[in-house]
Amino acid sequence: MTGFTLHVVCPNPALDRLQVVEHFAPFEVNRVVDVQSLPGGKGMIVCRGARRLGATVAAHGFVGGFVGQVIRRGCEEMGVADRHIEIAGDTRVTPVVIERATGRSTVLNERGPQVTRGEQEQLAAGLAAAVRPGDVVVSTGSLPPGCAPDLHAVVARVALSHGATALVDAHGDALARVIDDAGTHGTRGGRLVIKPNAHELAGILGRELSDPADLLAAARELHAATSATLVVTSGAGGAVWVGPGEQLTADSPAVDTVNATGSGDSFLAGLAVALGRGETPEAALTLAAAMGAANAASLAPDVDPDLVATLRERVTVSK
């Protein structure tokens, strides 16, 4: 299957302002040596990565004010269909300080603008009208003030009911709602993929997940309870996949890290595109791992498609 649309639901987009310093000194004056501003938030990074792979992408979420217009222009420049809901509040700005000497970053996450119940219903209705069988719907990122804690679960429900693949990357209570909803209603005959990282999954289960064996056991547990496919990432430690008839582990190819911010979102983009193309779980994990590593080698949350192609050859997936 190739003629799919990737719908990315990002309730809380942002304008990422990346500021590079040689050595970051907290509570002191830091001289910035490079600055970049670009549409951000987890969903925007997914959109950008998916477009680098040539996918057809539509962005759904909430934007408002001057920064919201910047997000809309950014979608146009990326070739992403803009299906955001206009709201009264101002879209947030996310300062990111990157220490060039180490590749470490400090992110200041604002909560985001207030969103009404009516605006959330408008988003769900717009998504339902746009999704077609065979599409992929990614729901990712934090929920702004006013958002129902089950918004990601609602989005997954809409996707599955329209014959699409639902791919959710959430944390905390929002992730718990997705798991509970799947445990109660199953996947409704569709394909539900839940992609937490190891820290997020540990928080849900209330125990440490310190090695790949722990991650596999936790993913098996949730797969048995929900019938969903679990893809759990652990940064440079790779990822595990547990789904119907498949249990896989993938490593992460080594790169010189410039800025790892957004690597999980680029991984998500690769996973979503591969699933939309109908690729095997092994191929999907391989592309996702290469995308995540390529992102870490870039200053801005972005990937070089040529580097992704090179890194794909260095990913090992094991049963």
Protein backbone atom coordinates (compact mmCIF):
# COMPACT_ATOMS: atom_id res chain seq x y z
CA MET A 1 0.00 0.00 0.00
CA THR A 2 1.50 3.35 -1.01
CA GLY A 3 -1.35 5.81 -1.53
CA PHE A 4 -1.93 6.68 2.11
CA THR A 5 -2.10 9.99 3.96
CA LEU A 6 -0.33 10.44 7.28
CA HIS A 7 -2.53 12.52 9.59
CA VAL A 8 -0.52 13.97 12.47
CA VAL A 9 -2.53 15.21 15.46
CA CYS A 10 -0.43 17.55 17.59
CA PRO A 11 -2.69 19.32 20.11
CA ASN A 12 0.06 21.58 21.42
CA PRO A 13 2.43 22.76 18.64
CA ALA A 14 5.10 25.35 19.32
CA LEU A 15 7.64 27.61 17.73
CA ASP A 16 10.99 26.05 18.64
CA ARG A 17 13.74 28.65 19.13
CA LEU A 18 17.08 26.82 19.12
CA GLN A 19 19.98 28.73 20.69
CA VAL A 20 23.47 27.23 20.51
CA VAL A 21 26.17 28.01 23.07
CA GLU A 22 29.67 26.55 23.32
CA HIS A 23 29.36 25.70 27.03
CA PHE A 24 26.10 26.24 28.92
CA ALA A 25 26.53 27.92 32.31
CA PRO A 26 23.31 28.02 34.39
CA PHE A 27 22.61 31.30 36.22
CA GLU A 28 25.24 33.13 34.16
CA VAL A 29 25.28 35.17 30.94
CA ASN A 30 25.63 32.79 27.96
CA ARG A 31 26.74 34.00 24.55
CA VAL A 32 24.67 32.46 21.76
CA VAL A 33 26.66 31.50 18.66
CA ASP A 34 23.81 30.26 16.45
CA VAL A 35 20.00 30.61 16.41
CA GLN A 36 17.28 28.80 14.47
CA SER A 37 13.49 29.12 14.73
CA LEU A 38 11.12 26.56 13.21
CA PRO A 39 7.71 24.96 13.79
CA GLY A 40 8.04 22.54 16.69
CA GLY A 41 6.22 20.39 19.14
CA LYS A 42 6.35 16.63 18.70
CA GLY A 43 3.81 16.53 15.89
CA MET A 44 5.59 19.13 13.77
CA ILE A 45 8.81 17.11 14.03
CA VAL A 46 6.88 14.02 12.89
CA CYS A 47 5.48 16.00 9.94
CA ARG A 48 8.93 17.21 8.93
CA GLY A 49 10.48 13.74 9.14
CA ALA A 50 7.65 12.12 7.19
CA ARG A 51 7.94 14.73 4.43
CA ARG A 52 11.69 13.98 4.18
CA LEU A 53 10.58 10.44 3.32
CA GLY A 54 8.17 11.68 0.66
CA ALA A 55 4.92 10.94 2.52
CA THR A 56 1.66 12.83 2.03
CA VAL A 57 1.05 14.55 5.37
CA ALA A 58 -1.78 16.54 7.00
CA ALA A 59 -1.40 18.33 10.35
CA HIS A 60 -4.28 18.61 12.84
CA GLY A 61 -4.18 20.55 16.10
CA PHE A 62 -4.82 23.96 17.66
CA VAL A 63 -3.05 27.20 16.74
CA GLY A 64 -3.62 30.84 17.64
CA GLY A 65 -2.11 34.32 17.50
CA PHE A 66 1.03 35.42 15.63
CA VAL A 67 2.96 32.25 16.47
CA GLY A 68 0.04 30.19 15.21
CA GLN A 69 0.38 31.93 11.83
CA VAL A 70 4.08 31.00 11.82
CA ILE A 71 3.09 27.37 12.33
CA ARG A 72 0.64 27.60 9.42
CA ARG A 73 3.31 29.11 7.16
CA GLY A 74 5.71 26.39 8.26
CA CYS A 75 3.20 23.72 7.21
CA GLU A 76 2.90 25.36 3.79
CA GLU A 77 6.69 25.47 3.39
CA MET A 78 6.97 21.78 4.33
CA GLY A 79 4.21 20.77 1.93
CA VAL A 80 1.97 19.67 4.80
CA ALA A 81 -1.81 20.14 4.56
CA ASP A 82 -2.83 22.60 7.29
CA ARG A 83 -5.95 21.34 9.10
CA HIS A 84 -5.36 23.15 12.41
CA ILE A 85 -8.25 24.62 14.39
CA GLU A 86 -7.90 28.37 15.05
CA ILE A 87 -8.22 29.27 18.74
CA ALA A 88 -8.24 32.52 20.72
CA GLY A 89 -5.04 31.91 22.72
CA ASP A 90 -1.45 32.26 21.53
CA THR A 91 0.52 29.21 20.41
CA ARG A 92 3.49 28.64 22.70
CA VAL A 93 7.20 29.28 22.12
CA THR A 94 9.75 26.68 23.25
CA PRO A 95 13.30 27.93 23.94
CA VAL A 96 15.92 25.20 23.48
CA VAL A 97 19.51 25.83 24.61
CA ILE A 98 22.00 23.47 22.95
CA GLU A 99 25.52 23.03 24.32
CA ARG A 100 27.72 22.46 21.27
CA ALA A 101 30.59 20.94 23.25
CA THR A 102 28.48 18.03 24.50
CA GLY A 103 25.35 17.93 22.32
CA ARG A 104 23.19 18.23 25.43
CA SER A 105 20.12 20.45 25.36
CA THR A 106 17.93 22.28 27.86
CA VAL A 107 14.27 22.68 26.87
CA LEU A 108 11.78 25.09 28.47
CA ASN A 109 8.27 23.78 27.78
CA GLU A 110 5.40 26.23 28.16
CA ARG A 111 1.98 24.74 28.94
CA GLY A 112 0.31 26.15 25.85
CA PRO A 113 -2.95 28.07 25.26
CA GLN A 114 -6.43 27.26 26.59
CA VAL A 115 -8.52 24.98 24.36
CA THR A 116 -12.29 24.66 24.67
CA ARG A 117 -14.41 21.53 24.50
CA GLY A 118 -16.03 22.80 21.31
CA GLU A 119 -12.63 23.22 19.65
CA GLN A 120 -11.71 19.66 20.60
CA GLU A 121 -14.96 18.39 19.10
CA GLN A 122 -14.21 20.40 15.96
CA LEU A 123 -10.78 18.74 15.68
CA ALA A 124 -12.25 15.24 16.08
CA ALA A 125 -14.96 15.95 13.50
CA GLY A 126 -12.42 17.32 11.02
CA LEU A 127 -10.22 14.28 11.47
CA ALA A 128 -13.16 11.92 10.99
CA ALA A 129 -14.05 13.68 7.75
CA ALA A 130 -10.49 13.48 6.41
CA VAL A 131 -9.36 9.95 7.32
CA ARG A 132 -9.69 7.14 4.80
CA PRO A 133 -9.12 3.37 5.11
CA GLY A 134 -5.42 2.63 4.86
CA ASP A 135 -4.33 6.01 6.24
CA VAL A 136 -2.14 6.36 9.32
CA VAL A 137 -3.10 8.67 12.19
CA VAL A 138 -0.38 9.73 14.62
CA SER A 139 -1.49 11.36 17.88
CA THR A 140 1.38 12.76 19.88
CA GLY A 141 2.57 15.35 22.36
CA SER A 142 1.39 17.16 25.45
CA LEU A 143 -2.18 18.34 25.94
CA PRO A 144 -2.72 22.10 26.37
CA PRO A 145 -4.89 23.49 29.19
CA GLY A 146 -8.57 22.67 28.78
CA CYS A 147 -7.95 19.49 26.77
CA ALA A 148 -9.70 16.35 27.96
CA PRO A 149 -7.15 13.84 29.28
CA ASP A 150 -8.49 11.20 26.89
CA LEU A 151 -7.98 13.27 23.71
CA HIS A 152 -5.31 10.89 22.37
CA ALA A 153 -7.66 7.97 23.04
CA VAL A 154 -10.46 9.78 21.19
CA VAL A 155 -8.18 10.36 18.21
CA ALA A 156 -7.19 6.68 18.15
CA ARG A 157 -10.86 5.71 18.32
CA VAL A 158 -11.66 7.92 15.31
CA ALA A 159 -8.77 6.48 13.31
CA LEU A 160 -9.61 2.85 14.04
CA SER A 161 -13.31 3.35 13.30
CA HIS A 162 -12.39 4.65 9.82
CA GLY A 163 -10.10 1.75 8.92
CA ALA A 164 -6.85 3.61 9.58
CA THR A 165 -3.82 2.64 11.63
CA ALA A 166 -3.66 4.58 14.92
CA LEU A 167 -0.17 5.32 16.28
CA VAL A 168 -0.08 7.02 19.69
CA ASP A 169 2.90 8.56 21.50
CA ALA A 170 1.71 9.97 24.82
CA HIS A 171 2.77 10.01 28.47
CA GLY A 172 1.30 10.06 31.95
CA ASP A 173 -2.46 10.08 32.34
CA ALA A 174 -2.99 10.56 28.60
CA LEU A 175 -1.06 7.33 27.90
CA ALA A 176 -2.96 5.52 30.65
CA ARG A 177 -6.27 6.56 29.03
CA VAL A 178 -5.17 5.11 25.69
CA ILE A 179 -4.18 1.83 27.34
CA ASP A 180 -7.40 1.66 29.36
CA ASP A 181 -9.51 2.41 26.29
CA ALA A 182 -7.79 -0.31 24.29
CA GLY A 183 -8.12 -2.75 27.18
CA THR A 184 -11.86 -2.07 27.37
CA HIS A 185 -12.73 -1.89 23.68
CA GLY A 186 -9.81 -3.63 21.99
CA THR A 187 -8.53 -2.26 18.70
CA ARG A 188 -11.99 -2.35 17.08
CA GLY A 189 -10.69 -4.51 14.29
CA GLY A 190 -8.06 -1.91 13.33
CA ARG A 191 -4.37 -1.61 13.99
CA LEU A 192 -3.42 0.28 17.14
CA VAL A 193 0.26 0.92 17.84
CA ILE A 194 1.29 2.46 21.18
CA LYS A 195 4.82 3.93 21.25
CA PRO A 196 5.98 5.02 24.70
CA ASN A 197 9.60 5.37 25.66
CA ALA A 198 11.02 3.30 28.49
CA HIS A 199 10.64 6.09 31.06
CA GLU A 200 7.00 6.72 30.12
CA LEU A 201 6.15 3.02 30.25
CA ALA A 202 7.88 2.62 33.60
CA GLY A 203 5.76 5.44 34.98
CA ILE A 204 2.56 3.71 33.87
CA LEU A 205 3.57 0.33 35.27
CA GLY A 206 5.11 1.71 38.46
CA ARG A 207 8.39 -0.19 38.16
CA GLU A 208 11.86 0.25 36.69
CA LEU A 209 12.58 -1.01 33.20
CA SER A 210 16.34 -1.19 33.19
CA ASP A 211 17.22 -3.50 30.28
CA PRO A 212 15.77 -4.90 27.02
CA ALA A 213 14.43 -7.97 28.81
CA ASP A 214 12.41 -5.73 31.15
CA LEU A 215 11.10 -3.74 28.18
CA LEU A 216 10.05 -6.90 26.36
CA ALA A 217 8.27 -8.24 29.43
CA ALA A 218 6.42 -4.95 29.94
CA ALA A 219 5.46 -4.74 26.26
CA ARG A 220 4.18 -8.34 26.33
CA GLU A 221 2.10 -7.51 29.39
CA LEU A 222 0.40 -4.55 27.75
CA HIS A 223 -0.04 -6.32 24.42
CA ALA A 224 -1.86 -9.14 26.21
CA ALA A 225 -4.10 -6.63 28.00
CA THR A 226 -4.92 -4.43 24.99
CA SER A 227 -4.31 -6.41 21.74
CA ALA A 228 -2.34 -3.33 20.62
CA THR A 229 1.16 -3.47 19.17
CA LEU A 230 3.71 -2.01 21.61
CA VAL A 231 6.85 -0.29 20.32
CA VAL A 232 9.01 0.85 23.23
CA THR A 233 12.08 3.03 22.66
CA SER A 234 15.06 3.54 24.94
CA GLY A 235 17.16 6.16 23.15
CA ALA A 236 20.59 4.87 22.18
CA GLY A 237 19.54 1.54 23.70
CA GLY A 238 17.30 0.82 20.72
CA ALA A 239 13.69 -0.35 20.70
CA VAL A 240 11.45 -3.39 21.13
CA TRP A 241 8.34 -4.40 19.17
CA VAL A 242 5.65 -6.71 20.53
CA GLY A 243 2.63 -7.33 18.33
CA PRO A 244 0.51 -10.17 16.99
CA GLY A 245 2.98 -12.95 16.19
CA GLU A 246 6.03 -10.66 16.40
CA GLN A 247 8.53 -9.92 19.16
CA LEU A 248 11.56 -7.96 17.97
CA THR A 249 14.44 -5.88 19.26
CA ALA A 250 16.34 -3.26 17.26
CA ASP A 251 19.58 -1.47 18.05
CA SER A 252 20.26 2.20 17.40
CA PRO A 253 23.14 2.99 15.01
CA ALA A 254 25.85 5.16 16.56
CA VAL A 255 26.25 8.75 15.35
CA ASP A 256 28.10 11.84 16.55
CA THR A 257 25.32 13.51 18.54
CA VAL A 258 24.74 17.19 17.83
CA ASN A 259 21.26 17.52 19.39
CA ALA A 260 19.15 14.51 20.38
CA THR A 261 16.00 16.59 20.93
CA GLY A 262 13.25 15.20 18.70
CA SER A 263 14.93 11.86 17.98
CA GLY A 264 11.95 9.98 19.40
CA ASP A 265 9.65 11.99 17.13
CA SER A 266 11.78 11.26 14.06
CA PHE A 267 11.69 7.57 15.06
CA LEU A 268 7.89 7.91 15.19
CA ALA A 269 7.83 9.48 11.71
CA GLY A 270 9.81 6.60 10.25
CA LEU A 271 7.59 4.06 11.97
CA ALA A 272 4.41 5.75 10.72
CA VAL A 273 5.59 6.00 7.12
CA ALA A 274 6.73 2.37 7.05
CA LEU A 275 3.39 1.20 8.47
CA GLY A 276 1.52 3.27 5.87
CA ARG A 277 3.59 1.69 3.11
CA GLY A 278 2.70 -1.77 4.39
CA GLU A 279 6.28 -2.69 5.27
CA THR A 280 7.12 -5.59 7.59
CA PRO A 281 7.68 -4.98 11.30
CA GLU A 282 11.41 -5.60 10.76
CA ALA A 283 11.57 -3.00 8.00
CA ALA A 284 9.48 -0.54 10.02
CA LEU A 285 11.79 -0.82 13.04
CA THR A 286 14.84 -0.47 10.82
CA LEU A 287 13.60 2.75 9.20
CA ALA A 288 12.44 4.15 12.55
CA ALA A 289 15.80 3.47 14.24
CA ALA A 290 17.69 5.07 11.35
CA MET A 291 15.44 8.14 11.49
CA GLY A 292 15.95 8.56 15.23
CA ALA A 293 19.72 8.33 14.93
CA ALA A 294 19.86 10.69 11.94
CA ASN A 295 17.92 13.29 13.93
CA ALA A 296 20.52 13.20 16.71
CA ALA A 297 23.20 14.10 14.16
CA SER A 298 21.38 17.34 13.21
CA LEU A 299 21.30 20.67 15.03
CA ALA A 300 17.59 21.20 14.39
CA PRO A 301 15.05 18.38 14.85
CA ASP A 302 15.32 17.13 11.26
CA VAL A 303 16.87 14.33 9.20
CA ASP A 304 19.07 14.05 6.13
CA PRO A 305 17.47 11.39 3.89
CA ASP A 306 20.89 10.31 2.56
CA LEU A 307 22.13 9.75 6.11
CA VAL A 308 18.94 7.81 6.90
CA ALA A 309 19.62 5.52 3.94
CA THR A 310 23.17 4.92 5.18
CA LEU A 311 22.09 4.28 8.76
CA ARG A 312 19.41 1.78 7.70
CA GLU A 313 22.21 -0.54 6.63
CA ARG A 314 23.68 -0.39 10.16
CA VAL A 315 20.50 -1.30 12.09
CA THR A 316 20.19 -4.86 13.38
CA VAL A 317 16.73 -6.25 14.14
CA SER A 318 16.54 -9.54 16.06
CA LYS A 319 13.66 -11.87 16.89
